Amino acid sequence: MVGGYPVRGETGLGKSTLINSLFLTDVYDKDKHPGPSLRVKKTVGVETSVVLLKENGVNLTLTIVDTPGFGDAVDNSNCWQPIIDFVESKYEEFLNAESRVTRMAAPPDTRVHCCLYFIAPSGHGLKPLDVEFMQRLSDKVNIIPVIAKADTMTPEECKDFKEQILKEIAQHKIKIYDFPESTGEEGDGAETSKALRGRVPFAVVGANTVIEQDGRRIRGRKYPWGIAEVENLEHCDFLALRNMVIRTHLQDLKDVTSSVHYENYRCRKLAGLSHDGKPHRMNSNKNPLAQMEEEKREHDSKMKKMEIEMEQVFDMKVREKRAKLKESEAELARRHEATRRALEAQARELEDRQRALLAEQSAWERETGLSLDDLRRRSLEANSKETVDGKEKKDKKKKGMYPIYRNILKKRTL
């Protein structure tokens, strides 16, 4: 099972810490991924990390995509473009894998299934950059808004901030991932799912430290006034986010990506449209006729390649069919030869028996002095004599019974 999860948001919002907390591992260690204050890059980049998880015998491979440098520049125009290009490049890879003549039964799915967008806990709503980014990405990937560093706000401030964010999301017509009402649970599970959906946007706290408290080891942040526990729903929504994204709604995220976002991209791509829904323009630096000729050559080359591949497949099928026919022909020849030999052996056996019978007949005729024809004639004469004698005896019996019948009739008359 594979999933792609990019994390977006300004530097310093705790994205790396939250990812480490989500998977209980150091996805971003200090040596390879220094803190925000030590990063000098000011351009938006795309970095990927692979996490292997195993739960209840199910292996889960997650690809975490980070974007260091997002929103750090003075001019953040088009800072979302590298992210859009990355998402669409994964769609393009999957589309090419599906469009091959010889396709795999299940091509590797490296598409982006979910985007965790981190919002700064300012308490004043969304920034223009937040609105622009989510509008640009909302029709390409499942966006889940996350309020970073929720431990910097009081519960009342966090509640009001959530309401303000949802209000602005609806006002700007931003399409975020809509968690389904139910994912197959019944009873208490459905109620729990409904309660968790009410926590969107998720206010989270991340921590890389484990603290000992009352004999328990908890992951959290220690302050003079207490401990902010990462996995405590009374302190933040981290546990709800982890359960919904990784466990209960992972398959739905993949299904929405496949049936909605990827299908939209595929339709635009096959229709010859760009990401903004407009037709691709021809390169103005090239002669249109030369460009058309180049496209024609590319098309002819692709068709020639497809023709060669189809001919190879056809030749392979013909060879396989001929080999099967030769095997069938050889099998029929073997069966025919075996049947012929069996019939010849049976004919020889019958001939031997016939010769033995004739020899026995000749010996008997020499011994008795009678031929077979003499035996037939005597048998017919004996049968004829028995028939004549039997008829005469029957007539005499009838004549002898007549006086008896006559006496009986006379007695009855008297």
Protein backbone atom coordinates (compact mmCIF):
# COMPACT_ATOMS: atom_id res chain seq x y z
CA MET A 1 0.00 0.00 0.00
CA VAL A 2 1.42 3.38 -1.00
CA GLY A 3 0.46 6.93 -0.12
CA GLY A 4 1.87 10.38 -0.95
CA TYR A 5 1.58 13.16 1.63
CA PRO A 6 3.02 16.60 0.90
CA VAL A 7 3.26 19.13 3.75
CA ARG A 8 2.93 22.81 2.89
CA GLY A 9 3.25 25.97 4.93
CA GLU A 10 5.64 28.71 5.87
CA THR A 11 8.98 27.99 7.48
CA GLY A 12 8.98 27.67 11.26
CA LEU A 13 5.43 26.35 11.70
CA GLY A 14 6.59 22.94 12.96
CA LYS A 15 5.93 20.85 9.84
CA SER A 16 9.00 18.64 10.30
CA THR A 17 8.29 18.17 14.01
CA LEU A 18 4.69 17.18 13.31
CA ILE A 19 5.74 14.64 10.67
CA ASN A 20 8.19 13.09 13.13
CA SER A 21 5.37 12.91 15.69
CA LEU A 22 2.92 11.39 13.20
CA PHE A 23 5.15 8.43 12.38
CA LEU A 24 7.02 8.17 15.70
CA THR A 25 10.34 8.34 13.92
CA ASP A 26 12.94 10.90 12.89
CA VAL A 27 11.91 11.48 9.30
CA TYR A 28 13.70 14.80 9.50
CA ASP A 29 16.83 14.40 11.61
CA LYS A 30 18.90 17.39 12.64
CA ASP A 31 21.93 16.45 10.54
CA LYS A 32 20.16 16.14 7.18
CA HIS A 33 17.36 18.63 7.85
CA PRO A 34 18.52 21.58 10.02
CA GLY A 35 16.09 23.91 11.71
CA PRO A 36 14.47 26.86 9.92
CA SER A 37 16.95 29.33 11.37
CA LEU A 38 19.86 27.43 9.79
CA ARG A 39 18.36 27.11 6.32
CA VAL A 40 19.70 29.66 3.89
CA LYS A 41 17.72 28.66 0.80
CA LYS A 42 15.06 31.18 -0.13
CA THR A 43 13.66 29.43 -3.17
CA VAL A 44 10.86 26.91 -3.04
CA GLY A 45 12.16 23.36 -3.31
CA VAL A 46 10.61 19.92 -3.18
CA GLU A 47 12.13 17.25 -0.95
CA THR A 48 10.79 13.71 -0.52
CA SER A 49 11.25 11.16 2.25
CA VAL A 50 9.95 7.58 2.35
CA VAL A 51 8.50 6.12 5.55
CA LEU A 52 7.83 2.39 5.96
CA LEU A 53 5.07 1.59 8.47
CA LYS A 54 3.63 -1.74 9.60
CA GLU A 55 0.40 -2.02 11.58
CA ASN A 56 -1.70 -5.14 12.16
CA GLY A 57 0.29 -7.03 9.53
CA VAL A 58 -0.33 -4.37 6.85
CA ASN A 59 2.70 -2.72 5.25
CA LEU A 60 2.31 0.97 4.45
CA THR A 61 4.79 2.97 2.40
CA LEU A 62 4.32 6.73 2.73
CA THR A 63 6.17 9.33 0.71
CA ILE A 64 6.47 12.62 2.61
CA VAL A 65 6.97 15.67 0.38
CA ASP A 66 8.29 18.82 2.03
CA THR A 67 8.65 22.28 0.46
CA PRO A 68 11.42 24.21 2.22
CA GLY A 69 11.47 27.89 1.32
CA PHE A 70 7.72 28.21 0.74
CA GLY A 71 6.51 31.72 1.63
CA ASP A 72 9.93 32.90 2.86
CA ALA A 73 10.69 35.41 0.11
CA VAL A 74 9.68 39.06 0.03
CA ASP A 75 7.96 38.48 -3.31
CA ASN A 76 6.08 35.18 -3.15
CA SER A 77 4.55 35.42 -6.61
CA ASN A 78 4.14 31.99 -8.18
CA CYS A 79 5.86 30.29 -5.23
CA TRP A 80 3.24 27.56 -5.56
CA GLN A 81 4.25 26.69 -9.15
CA PRO A 82 7.01 24.18 -8.21
CA ILE A 83 4.47 22.39 -6.04
CA ILE A 84 1.88 22.29 -8.83
CA ASP A 85 4.54 21.03 -11.23
CA PHE A 86 5.50 18.27 -8.79
CA VAL A 87 1.89 17.12 -8.31
CA GLU A 88 1.21 17.10 -12.05
CA SER A 89 4.50 15.35 -12.79
CA LYS A 90 3.33 12.43 -10.65
CA TYR A 91 0.01 12.39 -12.51
CA GLU A 92 1.96 12.43 -15.78
CA GLU A 93 4.08 9.45 -14.69
CA PHE A 94 0.96 7.46 -13.80
CA LEU A 95 -0.74 8.44 -17.08
CA ASN A 96 2.29 7.33 -19.10
CA ALA A 97 2.35 4.01 -17.24
CA GLU A 98 -1.33 3.48 -18.07
CA SER A 99 -0.87 4.47 -21.73
CA ARG A 100 1.89 2.01 -22.59
CA VAL A 101 1.20 -0.76 -25.07
CA THR A 102 2.52 -3.34 -22.59
CA ARG A 103 1.16 -2.16 -19.26
CA MET A 104 1.79 -3.50 -15.79
CA ALA A 105 -1.15 -5.08 -13.97
CA ALA A 106 -0.76 -2.53 -11.16
CA PRO A 107 1.60 0.35 -12.04
CA PRO A 108 3.39 2.00 -9.08
CA ASP A 109 1.13 4.69 -7.63
CA THR A 110 3.33 7.69 -6.79
CA ARG A 111 0.49 10.22 -7.02
CA VAL A 112 -0.04 12.78 -4.25
CA HIS A 113 -3.07 11.73 -2.21
CA CYS A 114 -3.18 14.36 0.53
CA CYS A 115 -1.74 17.81 1.24
CA LEU A 116 -1.41 18.98 4.84
CA TYR A 117 -1.42 22.79 4.66
CA PHE A 118 -0.10 24.48 7.80
CA ILE A 119 -1.68 27.76 8.87
CA ALA A 120 0.16 30.13 11.19
CA PRO A 121 -1.63 30.57 14.57
CA SER A 122 -2.06 34.31 14.13
CA GLY A 123 -5.64 34.39 15.36
CA HIS A 124 -6.62 36.75 12.53
CA GLY A 125 -7.61 34.30 9.82
CA LEU A 126 -5.94 33.30 6.57
CA LYS A 127 -3.16 35.24 4.90
CA PRO A 128 -3.43 36.17 1.20
CA LEU A 129 -0.72 33.58 0.46
CA ASP A 130 -2.78 30.89 2.22
CA VAL A 131 -5.86 31.76 0.19
CA GLU A 132 -3.98 31.86 -3.12
CA PHE A 133 -2.15 28.59 -2.51
CA MET A 134 -5.24 26.62 -1.50
CA GLN A 135 -7.22 28.03 -4.43
CA ARG A 136 -4.47 26.96 -6.84
CA LEU A 137 -4.11 23.47 -5.36
CA SER A 138 -7.71 22.68 -4.36
CA ASP A 139 -8.62 21.08 -7.71
CA LYS A 140 -5.40 19.06 -7.93
CA VAL A 141 -5.00 17.41 -4.53
CA ASN A 142 -6.90 16.73 -1.30
CA ILE A 143 -6.14 19.68 0.99
CA ILE A 144 -6.45 19.30 4.76
CA PRO A 145 -5.93 22.59 6.66
CA VAL A 146 -3.87 22.30 9.84
CA ILE A 147 -3.37 25.00 12.48
CA ALA A 148 0.26 24.82 13.58
CA LYS A 149 1.53 25.33 17.14
CA ALA A 150 -1.92 25.18 18.71
CA ASP A 151 -0.33 25.32 22.17
CA THR A 152 0.27 29.06 21.64
CA MET A 153 -3.48 29.73 21.85
CA THR A 154 -6.07 29.30 24.56
CA PRO A 155 -8.98 26.89 23.91
CA GLU A 156 -11.32 29.84 23.30
CA GLU A 157 -8.89 31.49 20.90
CA CYS A 158 -8.41 28.19 19.05
CA LYS A 159 -12.17 27.68 18.69
CA ASP A 160 -12.70 31.22 17.35
CA PHE A 161 -9.73 30.85 14.99
CA LYS A 162 -11.16 27.61 13.56
CA GLU A 163 -14.51 29.27 12.91
CA GLN A 164 -12.78 32.21 11.22
CA ILE A 165 -10.74 29.91 8.96
CA LEU A 166 -13.78 27.87 7.91
CA LYS A 167 -15.67 31.09 7.21
CA GLU A 168 -12.90 32.42 4.96
CA ILE A 169 -12.52 29.06 3.20
CA ALA A 170 -16.22 29.14 2.33
CA GLN A 171 -16.03 32.83 1.38
CA HIS A 172 -13.18 32.25 -1.09
CA LYS A 173 -14.79 29.02 -2.38
CA ILE A 174 -11.77 26.91 -1.51
CA LYS A 175 -12.38 23.19 -1.90
CA ILE A 176 -10.80 21.28 0.96
CA TYR A 177 -11.04 17.54 1.54
CA ASP A 178 -14.52 16.69 2.80
CA PHE A 179 -14.31 13.76 5.17
CA PRO A 180 -17.19 11.35 4.46
CA GLU A 181 -19.89 10.96 7.07
CA SER A 182 -19.03 7.30 7.63
CA THR A 183 -16.30 4.93 6.52
CA GLY A 184 -18.11 1.70 7.41
CA GLU A 185 -18.23 2.12 11.20
CA GLU A 186 -21.43 1.59 13.11
CA GLY A 187 -22.63 2.62 16.57
CA ASP A 188 -19.97 4.31 18.70
CA GLY A 189 -17.48 4.24 15.81
CA ALA A 190 -19.77 6.38 13.64
CA GLU A 191 -20.30 8.86 16.47
CA THR A 192 -16.55 9.07 17.03
CA SER A 193 -15.96 9.69 13.32
CA LYS A 194 -18.57 12.44 13.32
CA ALA A 195 -16.96 14.06 16.37
CA LEU A 196 -13.52 13.95 14.74
CA ARG A 197 -14.84 15.58 11.56
CA GLY A 198 -15.97 18.49 13.69
CA ARG A 199 -12.34 19.23 14.58
CA VAL A 200 -11.46 20.44 11.06
CA PRO A 201 -9.23 22.42 10.66
CA PHE A 202 -7.02 20.38 12.95
CA ALA A 203 -5.17 22.34 15.65
CA VAL A 204 -2.02 20.31 16.31
CA VAL A 205 1.04 20.30 18.51
CA GLY A 206 4.24 18.50 17.54
CA ALA A 207 7.11 17.41 19.76
CA ASN A 208 10.27 15.36 19.36
CA THR A 209 10.81 14.92 23.11
CA VAL A 210 9.45 12.19 25.39
CA ILE A 211 8.64 13.25 28.96
CA GLU A 212 8.26 11.07 32.05
CA GLN A 213 5.12 11.90 34.07
CA ASP A 214 3.49 9.75 36.76
CA GLY A 215 5.28 6.67 35.45
CA ARG A 216 4.08 7.33 31.89
CA ARG A 217 6.19 8.22 28.88
CA ILE A 218 4.39 10.87 26.87
CA ARG A 219 5.35 12.89 23.83
CA GLY A 220 4.79 16.57 24.44
CA ARG A 221 6.12 20.00 25.33
CA LYS A 222 6.90 21.01 28.90
CA TYR A 223 6.10 24.51 30.14
CA PRO A 224 6.30 26.10 33.59
CA TRP A 225 2.52 25.83 33.89
CA GLY A 226 2.23 22.23 32.66
CA ILE A 227 2.75 19.80 29.79
CA ALA A 228 1.07 20.04 26.38
CA GLU A 229 0.53 16.39 25.44
CA VAL A 230 0.67 15.64 21.74
CA GLU A 231 -1.60 12.57 21.88
CA ASN A 232 -4.26 14.05 24.16
CA LEU A 233 -7.47 15.18 22.44
CA GLU A 234 -8.11 17.62 25.28
CA HIS A 235 -4.90 19.44 24.41
CA CYS A 236 -4.87 19.32 20.58
CA ASP A 237 -6.25 17.51 17.50
CA PHE A 238 -3.07 15.58 16.68
CA LEU A 239 -4.55 12.17 17.51
CA ALA A 240 -7.67 12.89 15.45
CA LEU A 241 -5.54 13.95 12.46
CA ARG A 242 -3.35 10.86 12.66
CA ASN A 243 -6.27 8.43 12.97
CA MET A 244 -8.28 9.96 10.13
CA VAL A 245 -5.46 10.51 7.64
CA ILE A 246 -3.41 7.35 8.21
CA ARG A 247 -5.99 4.82 9.39
CA THR A 248 -9.69 5.42 8.89
CA HIS A 249 -9.72 7.62 5.76
CA LEU A 250 -6.54 6.63 3.92
CA GLN A 251 -8.37 4.57 1.29
CA ASP A 252 -10.94 7.31 0.74
CA LEU A 253 -8.14 9.83 0.14
CA LYS A 254 -6.70 7.52 -2.51
CA ASP A 255 -10.12 6.94 -4.08
CA VAL A 256 -10.87 10.69 -4.32
CA THR A 257 -7.43 11.29 -5.82
CA SER A 258 -7.96 8.59 -8.43
CA SER A 259 -11.59 9.31 -9.34
CA VAL A 260 -11.58 13.13 -9.11
CA HIS A 261 -8.21 14.90 -9.23
CA TYR A 262 -6.35 12.44 -11.46
CA GLU A 263 -9.34 12.02 -13.80
CA ASN A 264 -9.59 15.82 -14.16
CA TYR A 265 -5.90 15.99 -15.05
CA ARG A 266 -6.19 13.06 -17.47
CA CYS A 267 -9.17 14.62 -19.25
CA ARG A 268 -7.37 17.97 -19.58
CA LYS A 269 -4.23 16.25 -20.81
CA LEU A 270 -5.99 14.11 -23.40
CA ALA A 271 -8.06 17.09 -24.53
CA GLY A 272 -4.90 19.13 -25.10
CA LEU A 273 -5.60 21.67 -22.35
CA SER A 274 -3.16 23.31 -19.96
CA HIS A 275 -3.54 23.38 -16.17
CA ASP A 276 -5.76 26.48 -16.37
CA GLY A 277 -8.17 24.82 -18.81
CA LYS A 278 -6.95 26.70 -21.93
CA PRO A 279 -5.60 25.07 -25.11
CA HIS A 280 -1.84 24.72 -25.35
CA ARG A 281 -0.35 27.51 -27.40
CA MET A 282 2.24 26.87 -30.04
CA ASN A 283 5.78 28.03 -29.40
CA SER A 284 6.01 31.56 -30.80
CA ASN A 285 9.77 31.17 -31.44
CA LYS A 286 9.18 28.42 -33.99
CA ASN A 287 7.71 28.50 -37.44
CA PRO A 288 4.17 27.05 -37.13
CA LEU A 289 4.69 24.90 -40.22
CA ALA A 290 8.01 23.64 -38.89
CA GLN A 291 6.45 22.89 -35.52
CA MET A 292 3.56 21.05 -37.17
CA GLU A 293 6.05 19.08 -39.25
CA GLU A 294 8.01 18.21 -36.10
CA GLU A 295 4.85 17.09 -34.32
CA LYS A 296 3.93 15.01 -37.37
CA ARG A 297 7.34 13.33 -37.31
CA GLU A 298 6.97 12.61 -33.60
CA HIS A 299 3.51 11.18 -34.22
CA ASP A 300 4.79 9.04 -37.11
CA SER A 301 7.67 7.85 -34.93
CA LYS A 302 5.28 6.86 -32.15
CA MET A 303 2.99 5.09 -34.61
CA LYS A 304 5.96 3.27 -36.15
CA LYS A 305 7.11 2.18 -32.70
CA MET A 306 3.61 0.98 -31.83
CA GLU A 307 3.41 -0.86 -35.17
CA ILE A 308 6.74 -2.61 -34.51
CA GLU A 309 5.62 -3.59 -31.01
CA MET A 310 2.31 -4.91 -32.34
CA GLU A 311 4.12 -6.88 -35.07
CA GLN A 312 6.42 -8.37 -32.47
CA VAL A 313 3.46 -9.37 -30.34
CA PHE A 314 1.70 -10.82 -33.41
CA ASP A 315 4.79 -12.80 -34.45
CA MET A 316 5.14 -14.15 -30.93
CA LYS A 317 1.49 -15.24 -30.89
CA VAL A 318 1.90 -16.91 -34.33
CA ARG A 319 4.99 -18.78 -33.15
CA GLU A 320 3.18 -19.95 -30.05
CA LYS A 321 0.21 -21.11 -32.14
CA ARG A 322 2.43 -22.97 -34.58
CA ALA A 323 4.27 -24.67 -31.75
CA LYS A 324 0.96 -25.81 -30.25
CA LEU A 325 -0.21 -27.10 -33.65
CA LYS A 326 3.02 -29.04 -34.11
CA GLU A 327 2.63 -30.58 -30.68
CA SER A 328 -0.97 -31.57 -31.49
CA GLU A 329 0.11 -33.02 -34.84
CA ALA A 330 2.87 -35.08 -33.21
CA GLU A 331 0.44 -36.34 -30.57
CA LEU A 332 -2.09 -37.38 -33.23
CA ALA A 333 0.64 -39.16 -35.20
CA ARG A 334 1.71 -41.06 -32.08
CA ARG A 335 -1.87 -42.09 -31.33
CA HIS A 336 -2.43 -43.15 -34.98
CA GLU A 337 0.72 -45.28 -34.98
CA ALA A 338 -0.25 -46.94 -31.69
CA THR A 339 -3.75 -47.72 -33.01
CA ARG A 340 -2.34 -49.15 -36.27
CA ARG A 341 0.04 -51.43 -34.40
CA ALA A 342 -2.73 -52.64 -32.12
CA LEU A 343 -4.98 -53.47 -35.10
CA GLU A 344 -2.17 -55.30 -36.89
CA ALA A 345 -1.46 -57.38 -33.79
CA GLN A 346 -5.15 -58.21 -33.45
CA ALA A 347 -5.35 -59.23 -37.14
CA ARG A 348 -2.31 -61.52 -36.75
CA GLU A 349 -3.87 -63.13 -33.70
CA LEU A 350 -7.12 -63.80 -35.60
CA GLU A 351 -5.21 -65.29 -38.53
CA ASP A 352 -3.32 -67.62 -36.18
CA ARG A 353 -6.56 -68.77 -34.57
CA GLN A 354 -8.14 -69.34 -38.00
CA ARG A 355 -5.20 -71.49 -39.16
CA ALA A 356 -5.31 -73.50 -35.94
CA LEU A 357 -9.06 -74.09 -36.38
CA LEU A 358 -8.63 -75.25 -40.00
CA ALA A 359 -5.82 -77.59 -38.99
CA GLU A 360 -7.99 -79.08 -36.24
CA GLN A 361 -10.87 -79.56 -38.74
CA SER A 362 -8.61 -81.35 -41.25
CA ALA A 363 -7.28 -83.67 -38.57
CA TRP A 364 -10.81 -84.59 -37.41
CA GLU A 365 -11.98 -85.30 -40.98
CA ARG A 366 -9.02 -87.64 -41.54
CA GLU A 367 -9.69 -89.43 -38.27
CA THR A 368 -13.48 -89.96 -38.79
CA GLY A 369 -13.54 -90.22 -42.59
CA LEU A 370 -16.33 -87.66 -42.71
CA SER A 371 -16.32 -84.22 -44.16
CA LEU A 372 -18.08 -81.15 -42.86
CA ASP A 373 -20.58 -81.33 -45.73
CA ASP A 374 -21.50 -84.93 -44.78
CA LEU A 375 -22.23 -83.80 -41.20
CA ARG A 376 -24.50 -81.01 -42.44
CA ARG A 377 -26.46 -83.41 -44.70
CA ARG A 378 -26.96 -86.01 -41.95
CA SER A 379 -28.10 -83.33 -39.54
CA LEU A 380 -30.75 -82.10 -41.99
CA GLU A 381 -32.03 -85.65 -42.64
CA ALA A 382 -32.32 -86.37 -38.91
CA ASN A 383 -34.28 -83.18 -38.33
CA SER A 384 -36.70 -84.01 -41.19
CA LYS A 385 -37.37 -87.54 -39.84
CA GLU A 386 -38.08 -86.26 -36.33
CA THR A 387 -40.60 -83.82 -37.75
CA VAL A 388 -42.53 -86.49 -39.70
CA ASP A 389 -42.63 -88.96 -36.78
CA GLY A 390 -43.91 -86.32 -34.43
CA LYS A 391 -46.81 -85.42 -36.75
CA GLU A 392 -47.97 -89.07 -37.10
CA LYS A 393 -47.96 -89.58 -33.33
CA LYS A 394 -50.09 -86.48 -32.88
CA ASP A 395 -52.72 -87.67 -35.42
CA LYS A 396 -52.99 -91.09 -33.72
CA LYS A 397 -53.49 -89.46 -30.35
CA LYS A 398 -56.38 -87.38 -31.69
CA LYS A 399 -58.07 -90.51 -33.19
CA GLY A 400 -57.78 -92.40 -29.91
CA MET A 401 -59.51 -89.63 -27.97
CA TYR A 402 -62.61 -89.54 -30.24
CA PRO A 403 -64.46 -92.65 -28.78
CA ILE A 404 -63.98 -91.30 -25.26
CA TYR A 405 -65.60 -87.97 -26.15
CA ARG A 406 -68.52 -89.77 -27.83
CA ASN A 407 -69.30 -91.92 -24.75
CA ILE A 408 -69.27 -88.84 -22.52
CA LEU A 409 -71.80 -87.10 -24.77
CA LYS A 410 -74.12 -90.10 -24.75
CA LYS A 411 -74.17 -90.28 -20.95
CA ARG A 412 -75.09 -86.61 -20.68
CA THR A 413 -77.94 -87.09 -23.21
CA LEU A 414 -79.50 -89.97 -21.23
